[in-house]
PDB file of N, CA and C in Angstrom:
ATOM      1  N   UNK A   1     178.310  72.639  -6.633  1.00  0.00           N
ATOM      2  CA  UNK A   1     178.287  73.435  -7.869  1.00  0.00           C
ATOM      3  C   UNK A   1     179.158  72.403  -9.076  1.00  0.00           C
ATOM      4  N   UNK A   2     180.210  71.925  -8.466  1.00  0.00           N
ATOM      5  CA  UNK A   2     181.015  70.783  -9.557  1.00  0.00           C
ATOM      6  C   UNK A   2     180.179  69.972  -9.440  1.00  0.00           C
ATOM      7  N   UNK A   3     179.632  69.168  -8.811  1.00  0.00           N
ATOM      8  CA  UNK A   3     178.881  67.708  -9.324  1.00  0.00           C
ATOM      9  C   UNK A   3     177.449  68.242  -9.826  1.00  0.00           C
ATOM     10  N   UNK A   4     176.925  69.241  -9.606  1.00  0.00           N
ATOM     11  CA  UNK A   4     175.731  69.607 -10.631  1.00  0.00           C
ATOM     12  C   UNK A   4     176.445  69.894 -12.182  1.00  0.00           C
ATOM     13  N   UNK A   5     177.482  70.693 -12.375  1.00  0.00           N
ATOM     14  CA  UNK A   5     178.502  70.720 -13.653  1.00  0.00           C
ATOM     15  C   UNK A   5     178.455  69.343 -14.155  1.00  0.00           C
ATOM     16  N   UNK A   6     179.171  68.604 -13.326  1.00  0.00           N
ATOM     17  CA  UNK A   6     179.760  67.086 -14.053  1.00  0.00           C
ATOM     18  C   UNK A   6     178.496  66.659 -14.448  1.00  0.00           C
ATOM     19  N   UNK A   7     177.185  66.502 -13.727  1.00  0.00           N
ATOM     20  CA  UNK A   7     176.223  65.857 -14.123  1.00  0.00           C
ATOM     21  C   UNK A   7     175.703  66.408 -15.488  1.00  0.00           C
ATOM     22  N   UNK A   8     175.574  67.919 -15.449  1.00  0.00           N
ATOM     23  CA  UNK A   8     175.176  68.414 -16.865  1.00  0.00           C
ATOM     24  C   UNK A   8     176.020  68.164 -17.907  1.00  0.00           C
ATOM     25  N   UNK A   9     177.191  68.083 -17.632  1.00  0.00           N
ATOM     26  CA  UNK A   9     178.131  67.691 -18.531  1.00  0.00           C
ATOM     27  C   UNK A   9     178.197  66.147 -19.269  1.00  0.00           C
ATOM     28  N   UNK A  10     177.957  65.339 -17.954  1.00  0.00           N
ATOM     29  CA  UNK A  10     177.601  63.822 -18.719  1.00  0.00           C
ATOM     30  C   UNK A  10     176.252  63.810 -19.174  1.00  0.00           C
ATOM     31  N   UNK A  11     174.998  64.381 -18.982  1.00  0.00           N
ATOM     32  CA  UNK A  11     173.796  64.385 -19.787  1.00  0.00           C
ATOM     33  C   UNK A  11     174.027  65.012 -20.889  1.00  0.00           C
ATOM     34  N   UNK A  12     174.693  65.931 -21.387  1.00  0.00           N
ATOM     35  CA  UNK A  12     174.860  66.442 -22.380  1.00  0.00           C
ATOM     36  C   UNK A  12     175.474  65.489 -23.507  1.00  0.00           C
ATOM     37  N   UNK A  13     176.472  64.874 -22.944  1.00  0.00           N
ATOM     38  CA  UNK A  13     177.381  63.638 -23.575  1.00  0.00           C
ATOM     39  C   UNK A  13     176.430  62.697 -23.963  1.00  0.00           C
ATOM     40  N   UNK A  14     175.402  62.082 -22.971  1.00  0.00           N
ATOM     41  CA  UNK A  14     174.732  61.192 -23.338  1.00  0.00           C
ATOM     42  C   UNK A  14     173.660  61.380 -24.273  1.00  0.00           C
ATOM     43  N   UNK A  15     173.093  62.756 -24.403  1.00  0.00           N
ATOM     44  CA  UNK A  15     172.289  63.005 -25.358  1.00  0.00           C
ATOM     45  C   UNK A  15     172.561  63.288 -26.602  1.00  0.00           C
ATOM     46  N   UNK A  16     174.063  63.724 -26.827  1.00  0.00           N
ATOM     47  CA  UNK A  16     174.595  63.894 -28.054  1.00  0.00           C
ATOM     48  C   UNK A  16     175.057  62.480 -28.433  1.00  0.00           C
ATOM     49  N   UNK A  17     175.386  61.463 -27.768  1.00  0.00           N
ATOM     50  CA  UNK A  17     175.543  60.090 -28.124  1.00  0.00           C
ATOM     51  C   UNK A  17     174.344  59.713 -28.452  1.00  0.00           C
ATOM     52  N   UNK A  18     173.225  59.543 -27.991  1.00  0.00           N
ATOM     53  CA  UNK A  18     172.016  59.095 -28.413  1.00  0.00           C
ATOM     54  C   UNK A  18     171.356  59.622 -29.813  1.00  0.00           C
ATOM     55  N   UNK A  19     171.548  61.169 -30.215  1.00  0.00           N
ATOM     56  CA  UNK A  19     171.241  61.610 -31.259  1.00  0.00           C
ATOM     57  C   UNK A  19     172.183  60.918 -32.030  1.00  0.00           C
ATOM     58  N   UNK A  20     173.255  60.695 -31.921  1.00  0.00           N
ATOM     59  CA  UNK A  20     174.300  59.939 -33.225  1.00  0.00           C
ATOM     60  C   UNK A  20     174.007  58.785 -33.260  1.00  0.00           C
ATOM     61  N   UNK A  21     173.569  57.798 -32.181  1.00  0.00           N
ATOM     62  CA  UNK A  21     173.067  56.682 -32.609  1.00  0.00           C
ATOM     63  C   UNK A  21     171.724  56.514 -33.427  1.00  0.00           C
ATOM     64  N   UNK A  22     170.757  57.680 -32.869  1.00  0.00           N
ATOM     65  CA  UNK A  22     169.372  57.441 -33.673  1.00  0.00           C
ATOM     66  C   UNK A  22     169.696  57.992 -35.228  1.00  0.00           C
ATOM     67  N   UNK A  23     170.655  58.526 -35.494  1.00  0.00           N
ATOM     68  CA  UNK A  23     171.147  59.209 -36.992  1.00  0.00           C
ATOM     69  C   UNK A  23     171.684  58.099 -37.488  1.00  0.00           C
ATOM     70  N   UNK A  24     172.588  57.538 -37.013  1.00  0.00           N
ATOM     71  CA  UNK A  24     173.461  56.118 -37.970  1.00  0.00           C
ATOM     72  C   UNK A  24     172.076  54.785 -37.967  1.00  0.00           C
ATOM     73  N   UNK A  25     171.103  54.976 -36.900  1.00  0.00           N
ATOM     74  CA  UNK A  25     169.955  54.035 -36.949  1.00  0.00           C
ATOM     75  C   UNK A  25     169.202  54.443 -38.430  1.00  0.00           C
ATOM     76  N   UNK A  26     169.015  55.442 -38.159  1.00  0.00           N
ATOM     77  CA  UNK A  26     167.863  56.138 -39.440  1.00  0.00           C
ATOM     78  C   UNK A  26     168.623  55.782 -40.723  1.00  0.00           C
ATOM     79  N   UNK A  27     170.033  56.299 -40.725  1.00  0.00           N
ATOM     80  CA  UNK A  27     170.641  55.917 -42.090  1.00  0.00           C
ATOM     81  C   UNK A  27     170.658  54.829 -42.525  1.00  0.00           C
ATOM     82  N   UNK A  28     171.018  53.832 -41.419  1.00  0.00           N
ATOM     83  CA  UNK A  28     170.973  52.137 -41.897  1.00  0.00           C
ATOM     84  C   UNK A  28     169.574  51.927 -42.259  1.00  0.00           C
ATOM     85  N   UNK A  29     169.121  52.118 -41.783  1.00  0.00           N
ATOM     86  CA  UNK A  29     167.619  51.464 -42.149  1.00  0.00           C
ATOM     87  C   UNK A  29     167.118  52.350 -43.291  1.00  0.00           C
ATOM     88  N   UNK A  30     167.162  53.435 -43.102  1.00  0.00           N
ATOM     89  CA  UNK A  30     166.715  53.793 -44.875  1.00  0.00           C
ATOM     90  C   UNK A  30     167.780  53.479 -46.069  1.00  0.00           C
ATOM     91  N   UNK A  31     168.937  52.795 -45.936  1.00  0.00           N
ATOM     92  CA  UNK A  31     169.847  52.302 -46.967  1.00  0.00           C
ATOM     93  C   UNK A  31     169.486  50.757 -47.346  1.00  0.00           C
ATOM     94  N   UNK A  32     168.587  50.188 -46.500  1.00  0.00           N
ATOM     95  CA  UNK A  32     168.471  48.937 -46.631  1.00  0.00           C
ATOM     96  C   UNK A  32     167.615  48.616 -47.435  1.00  0.00           C
ATOM     97  N   UNK A  33     167.001  49.665 -48.024  1.00  0.00           N
ATOM     98  CA  UNK A  33     166.058  49.356 -49.374  1.00  0.00           C
ATOM     99  C   UNK A  33     165.015  48.539 -49.005  1.00  0.00           C
ATOM    100  N   UNK A  34     164.790  47.427 -49.756  1.00  0.00           N
ATOM    101  CA  UNK A  34     163.804  46.524 -49.925  1.00  0.00           C
ATOM    102  C   UNK A  34     164.161  45.447 -49.149  1.00  0.00           C
ATOM    103  N   UNK A  35     165.447  45.358 -48.320  1.00  0.00           N
ATOM    104  CA  UNK A  35     165.516  44.169 -47.223  1.00  0.00           C
ATOM    105  C   UNK A  35     164.900  44.098 -46.181  1.00  0.00           C
ATOM    106  N   UNK A  36     164.197  45.138 -45.723  1.00  0.00           N
ATOM    107  CA  UNK A  36     163.259  45.012 -44.659  1.00  0.00           C
ATOM    108  C   UNK A  36     161.880  45.525 -45.127  1.00  0.00           C
ATOM    109  N   UNK A  37     160.939  45.246 -44.322  1.00  0.00           N
ATOM    110  CA  UNK A  37     159.588  45.965 -44.548  1.00  0.00           C
ATOM    111  C   UNK A  37     159.137  47.599 -43.834  1.00  0.00           C
ATOM    112  N   UNK A  38     158.167  47.970 -43.958  1.00  0.00           N
ATOM    113  CA  UNK A  38     158.345  49.238 -43.640  1.00  0.00           C
ATOM    114  C   UNK A  38     158.339  49.475 -41.888  1.00  0.00           C
ATOM    115  N   UNK A  39     157.243  48.207 -42.019  1.00  0.00           N
ATOM    116  CA  UNK A  39     156.831  47.741 -40.284  1.00  0.00           C
ATOM    117  C   UNK A  39     158.485  47.314 -39.347  1.00  0.00           C
ATOM    118  N   UNK A  40     158.999  46.478 -39.876  1.00  0.00           N
ATOM    119  CA  UNK A  40     160.444  46.364 -39.589  1.00  0.00           C
ATOM    120  C   UNK A  40     161.279  47.505 -39.481  1.00  0.00           C
ATOM    121  N   UNK A  41     161.229  48.371 -40.327  1.00  0.00           N
ATOM    122  CA  UNK A  41     162.046  49.654 -40.497  1.00  0.00           C
ATOM    123  C   UNK A  41     161.704  50.468 -38.982  1.00  0.00           C
ATOM    124  N   UNK A  42     160.277  50.786 -38.729  1.00  0.00           N
ATOM    125  CA  UNK A  42     159.868  51.623 -37.691  1.00  0.00           C
ATOM    126  C   UNK A  42     159.671  50.780 -36.523  1.00  0.00           C
ATOM    127  N   UNK A  43     160.044  49.258 -36.427  1.00  0.00           N
ATOM    128  CA  UNK A  43     160.216  48.785 -35.332  1.00  0.00           C
ATOM    129  C   UNK A  43     161.697  48.834 -34.858  1.00  0.00           C
ATOM    130  N   UNK A  44     162.878  48.743 -35.748  1.00  0.00           N
ATOM    131  CA  UNK A  44     164.132  49.242 -35.415  1.00  0.00           C
ATOM    132  C   UNK A  44     164.431  50.648 -34.874  1.00  0.00           C
ATOM    133  N   UNK A  45     163.801  51.386 -35.268  1.00  0.00           N
ATOM    134  CA  UNK A  45     163.982  52.807 -34.608  1.00  0.00           C
ATOM    135  C   UNK A  45     163.368  52.940 -33.778  1.00  0.00           C
ATOM    136  N   UNK A  46     162.070  52.571 -33.520  1.00  0.00           N
ATOM    137  CA  UNK A  46     161.421  52.789 -32.191  1.00  0.00           C
ATOM    138  C   UNK A  46     162.542  52.230 -31.020  1.00  0.00           C
ATOM    139  N   UNK A  47     163.176  50.890 -31.227  1.00  0.00           N
ATOM    140  CA  UNK A  47     163.984  50.157 -30.221  1.00  0.00           C
ATOM    141  C   UNK A  47     164.836  50.922 -30.090  1.00  0.00           C
ATOM    142  N   UNK A  48     165.706  51.737 -30.958  1.00  0.00           N
ATOM    143  CA  UNK A  48     167.022  52.265 -30.887  1.00  0.00           C
ATOM    144  C   UNK A  48     166.598  53.477 -29.897  1.00  0.00           C
ATOM    145  N   UNK A  49     165.469  54.208 -30.581  1.00  0.00           N
ATOM    146  CA  UNK A  49     164.822  55.138 -29.618  1.00  0.00           C
ATOM    147  C   UNK A  49     164.657  54.990 -28.303  1.00  0.00           C
ATOM    148  N   UNK A  50     163.889  53.752 -27.899  1.00  0.00           N
ATOM    149  CA  UNK A  50     163.276  53.566 -26.400  1.00  0.00           C
ATOM    150  C   UNK A  50     164.854  53.267 -25.622  1.00  0.00           C
ATOM    151  N   UNK A  51     165.907  52.505 -26.080  1.00  0.00           N
ATOM    152  CA  UNK A  51     167.062  52.131 -25.595  1.00  0.00           C
ATOM    153  C   UNK A  51     168.071  53.560 -25.235  1.00  0.00           C
ATOM    154  N   UNK A  52     167.886  54.371 -26.037  1.00  0.00           N
ATOM    155  CA  UNK A  52     168.469  55.797 -25.795  1.00  0.00           C
ATOM    156  C   UNK A  52     167.892  56.339 -24.780  1.00  0.00           C
ATOM    157  N   UNK A  53     166.299  56.707 -25.101  1.00  0.00           N
ATOM    158  CA  UNK A  53     165.571  57.263 -23.911  1.00  0.00           C
ATOM    159  C   UNK A  53     165.821  56.751 -22.789  1.00  0.00           C
ATOM    160  N   UNK A  54     165.699  55.283 -22.598  1.00  0.00           N
ATOM    161  CA  UNK A  54     165.785  54.652 -21.277  1.00  0.00           C
ATOM    162  C   UNK A  54     167.054  54.794 -20.928  1.00  0.00           C
ATOM    163  N   UNK A  55     168.400  54.870 -21.202  1.00  0.00           N
ATOM    164  CA  UNK A  55     169.420  55.160 -20.739  1.00  0.00           C
ATOM    165  C   UNK A  55     169.400  56.762 -20.186  1.00  0.00           C
ATOM    166  N   UNK A  56     169.029  57.762 -20.886  1.00  0.00           N
ATOM    167  CA  UNK A  56     169.223  58.855 -20.400  1.00  0.00           C
ATOM    168  C   UNK A  56     168.121  59.265 -19.024  1.00  0.00           C
ATOM    169  N   UNK A  57     166.909  58.462 -19.074  1.00  0.00           N
ATOM    170  CA  UNK A  57     165.868  58.436 -18.023  1.00  0.00           C
ATOM    171  C   UNK A  57     166.771  57.774 -16.610  1.00  0.00           C
ATOM    172  N   UNK A  58     167.307  56.831 -17.210  1.00  0.00           N
ATOM    173  CA  UNK A  58     167.811  56.153 -15.836  1.00  0.00           C
ATOM    174  C   UNK A  58     168.977  56.682 -15.231  1.00  0.00           C
ATOM    175  N   UNK A  59     169.640  57.722 -16.054  1.00  0.00           N
ATOM    176  CA  UNK A  59     170.790  58.345 -15.378  1.00  0.00           C
ATOM    177  C   UNK A  59     170.258  59.684 -14.795  1.00  0.00           C
ATOM    178  N   UNK A  60     169.142  60.086 -15.390  1.00  0.00           N
ATOM    179  CA  UNK A  60     168.542  61.217 -14.688  1.00  0.00           C
ATOM    180  C   UNK A  60     167.868  60.274 -13.321  1.00  0.00           C
ATOM    181  N   UNK A  61     167.188  59.417 -13.310  1.00  0.00           N
ATOM    182  CA  UNK A  61     166.373  58.997 -12.046  1.00  0.00           C
ATOM    183  C   UNK A  61     167.529  58.285 -10.865  1.00  0.00           C
ATOM    184  N   UNK A  62     168.562  58.236 -11.390  1.00  0.00           N
ATOM    185  CA  UNK A  62     169.606  57.673 -10.726  1.00  0.00           C
ATOM    186  C   UNK A  62     170.204  58.983  -9.576  1.00  0.00           C
ATOM    187  N   UNK A  63     170.431  60.268 -10.553  1.00  0.00           N
ATOM    188  CA  UNK A  63     170.901  61.593 -10.077  1.00  0.00           C
ATOM    189  C   UNK A  63     170.060  62.309  -9.892  1.00  0.00           C
ATOM    190  N   UNK A  64     168.587  61.756  -9.401  1.00  0.00           N
ATOM    191  CA  UNK A  64     167.406  62.730  -9.164  1.00  0.00           C
ATOM    192  C   UNK A  64     167.633  64.181  -8.549  1.00  0.00           C
ATOM    193  N   UNK A  65     168.398  64.291  -7.607  1.00  0.00           N
ATOM    194  CA  UNK A  65     168.586  65.628  -6.738  1.00  0.00           C
ATOM    195  C   UNK A  65     169.440  66.748  -7.522  1.00  0.00           C
ATOM    196  N   UNK A  66     170.144  66.134  -8.278  1.00  0.00           N
ATOM    197  CA  UNK A  66     171.371  66.661  -9.089  1.00  0.00           C
ATOM    198  C   UNK A  66     170.367  67.437 -10.495  1.00  0.00           C
ATOM    199  N   UNK A  67     169.736  66.460 -10.946  1.00  0.00           N
ATOM    200  CA  UNK A  67     168.725  66.972 -11.796  1.00  0.00           C
ATOM    201  C   UNK A  67     167.746  68.105 -11.489  1.00  0.00           C
ATOM    202  N   UNK A  68     167.205  67.865  -9.935  1.00  0.00           N
ATOM    203  CA  UNK A  68     166.491  69.105  -9.612  1.00  0.00           C
ATOM    204  C   UNK A  68     167.283  70.456  -9.470  1.00  0.00           C
ATOM    205  N   UNK A  69     168.614  70.332  -8.835  1.00  0.00           N
ATOM    206  CA  UNK A  69     169.297  71.539  -8.866  1.00  0.00           C
ATOM    207  C   UNK A  69     169.584  72.084  -9.622  1.00  0.00           C
ATOM    208  N   UNK A  70     169.897  71.149 -11.084  1.00  0.00           N
ATOM    209  CA  UNK A  70     170.256  71.799 -12.096  1.00  0.00           C
ATOM    210  C   UNK A  70     169.262  72.954 -12.929  1.00  0.00           C
ATOM    211  N   UNK A  71     167.911  72.532 -12.189  1.00  0.00           N
ATOM    212  CA  UNK A  71     167.166  73.664 -12.851  1.00  0.00           C
ATOM    213  C   UNK A  71     166.625  74.591 -11.445  1.00  0.00           C
ATOM    214  N   UNK A  72     167.217  74.716 -10.579  1.00  0.00           N
ATOM    215  CA  UNK A  72     166.630  75.551  -9.633  1.00  0.00           C
ATOM    216  C   UNK A  72     168.146  76.456  -9.255  1.00  0.00           C
TER     217      UNK A  72
END
């Protein structure tokens, strides 16, 4: 149970850091004003989202048995 608890804590920390990174990205993109086009702003936010989501998925897939044990 200890390893499942540690997995949940690390997963929670990863999700929290990802939310902070996305919030900082959104703030910096919105403050860029007319320096970036609308398309560039969308691309920057999409890249940040995909990187954060990819890190979380990579952590889950590398510990898939613990992920299943977390919800069973």
